[in-house]
C-alpha atoms as a PDB file:
ATOM      1  CA  MET A   1      10.377  -3.874  14.354  1.00  0.00           C
ATOM      2  CA  GLU A   2       8.152  -1.113  15.798  1.00  0.00           C
ATOM      3  CA  GLN A   3       4.574  -1.200  14.430  1.00  0.00           C
ATOM      4  CA  TRP A   4       4.356   1.719  12.447  1.00  0.00           C
ATOM      5  CA  LYS A   5       7.191   1.270  10.699  1.00  0.00           C
ATOM      6  CA  ILE A   6       5.649  -2.780   9.595  1.00  0.00           C
ATOM      7  CA  SER A   7       2.954  -0.422   8.140  1.00  0.00           C
ATOM      8  CA  ILE A   8       4.473   1.694   6.660  1.00  0.00           C
ATOM      9  CA  LEU A   9       5.927  -0.366   4.830  1.00  0.00           C
ATOM     10  CA  THR A  10       3.678  -3.177   3.916  1.00  0.00           C
ATOM     11  CA  GLY A  11       1.978   0.200   2.152  1.00  0.00           C
ATOM     12  CA  ILE A  12       4.517   0.499   0.035  1.00  0.00           C
ATOM     13  CA  ALA A  13       4.853  -3.108  -1.217  1.00  0.00           C
ATOM     14  CA  LEU A  14       1.296  -3.339  -1.886  1.00  0.00           C
ATOM     15  CA  ILE A  15       1.230  -0.351  -3.957  1.00  0.00           C
ATOM     16  CA  ILE A  16       4.410  -1.523  -5.450  1.00  0.00           C
ATOM     17  CA  LEU A  17       3.302  -4.828  -5.990  1.00  0.00           C
ATOM     18  CA  ALA A  18      -0.612  -3.076  -7.795  1.00  0.00           C
ATOM     19  CA  ALA A  19       1.730  -1.050  -9.555  1.00  0.00           C
ATOM     20  CA  ILE A  20       4.079  -4.275 -11.040  1.00  0.00           C
ATOM     21  CA  PHE A  21       1.049  -6.036 -11.794  1.00  0.00           C
ATOM     22  CA  ALA A  22      -1.192  -3.121 -13.564  1.00  0.00           C
ATOM     23  CA  VAL A  23       2.146  -2.522 -15.894  1.00  0.00           C
ATOM     24  CA  ILE A  24       1.403  -6.684 -17.117  1.00  0.00           C
ATOM     25  CA  ARG A  25      -1.850  -6.566 -17.711  1.00  0.00           C
ATOM     26  CA  GLY A  26      -1.752  -3.360 -19.533  1.00  0.00           C
ATOM     27  CA  HIS A  27      -4.632  -2.232 -17.230  1.00  0.00           C
ATOM     28  CA  LEU A  28      -6.302  -1.515 -13.591  1.00  0.00           C
ATOM     29  CA  SER A  29      -8.998  -3.428 -12.758  1.00  0.00           C
ATOM     30  CA  ILE A  30     -11.082  -3.333  -9.541  1.00  0.00           C
ATOM     31  CA  TRP A  31      -8.836  -5.410  -7.899  1.00  0.00           C
ATOM     32  CA  LEU A  32      -6.091  -3.374  -8.175  1.00  0.00           C
ATOM     33  CA  ILE A  33      -7.542  -0.018  -7.321  1.00  0.00           C
ATOM     34  CA  ILE A  34      -8.439  -1.546  -3.860  1.00  0.00           C
ATOM     35  CA  VAL A  35      -4.694  -2.473  -3.056  1.00  0.00           C
ATOM     36  CA  ILE A  36      -4.011   0.766  -3.924  1.00  0.00           C
ATOM     37  CA  VAL A  37      -6.460   2.258  -1.860  1.00  0.00           C
ATOM     38  CA  LEU A  38      -5.162  -0.143   0.565  1.00  0.00           C
ATOM     39  CA  GLY A  39      -1.486  -0.059   0.474  1.00  0.00           C
ATOM     40  CA  VAL A  40      -2.341   4.213   0.923  1.00  0.00           C
ATOM     41  CA  ILE A  41      -4.544   3.762   4.061  1.00  0.00           C
ATOM     42  CA  ASP A  42      -2.196   1.582   5.560  1.00  0.00           C
ATOM     43  CA  ILE A  43       0.865   4.376   5.098  1.00  0.00           C
ATOM     44  CA  ILE A  44      -1.630   6.677   6.621  1.00  0.00           C
ATOM     45  CA  LEU A  45      -2.272   4.368   9.044  1.00  0.00           C
ATOM     46  CA  GLY A  46       1.487   3.939  10.074  1.00  0.00           C
ATOM     47  CA  ILE A  47       1.782   8.045   9.768  1.00  0.00           C
ATOM     48  CA  ILE A  48      -0.310   8.065  12.647  1.00  0.00           C
ATOM     49  CA  ARG A  49       0.854   5.240  14.877  1.00  0.00           C
ATOM     50  CA  LYS A  50       4.155   7.371  14.306  1.00  0.00           C
ATOM     51  CA  ASN A  51       2.655  10.631  15.827  1.00  0.00           C
ATOM     52  CA  ARG A  52       1.313   9.634  18.815  1.00  0.00           C
END
């Protein structure tokens, strides 16, 4: 699989997992916010790699 696809899928997986943990725990912690931000950054980097 191409690197940009892996990057986008990893970012999506991070965001989904963080959302699941936030729902289970009932609130967002700083660690879940960091995971969501890292997921978004990973998706952005994947899109940038795709466009090169």
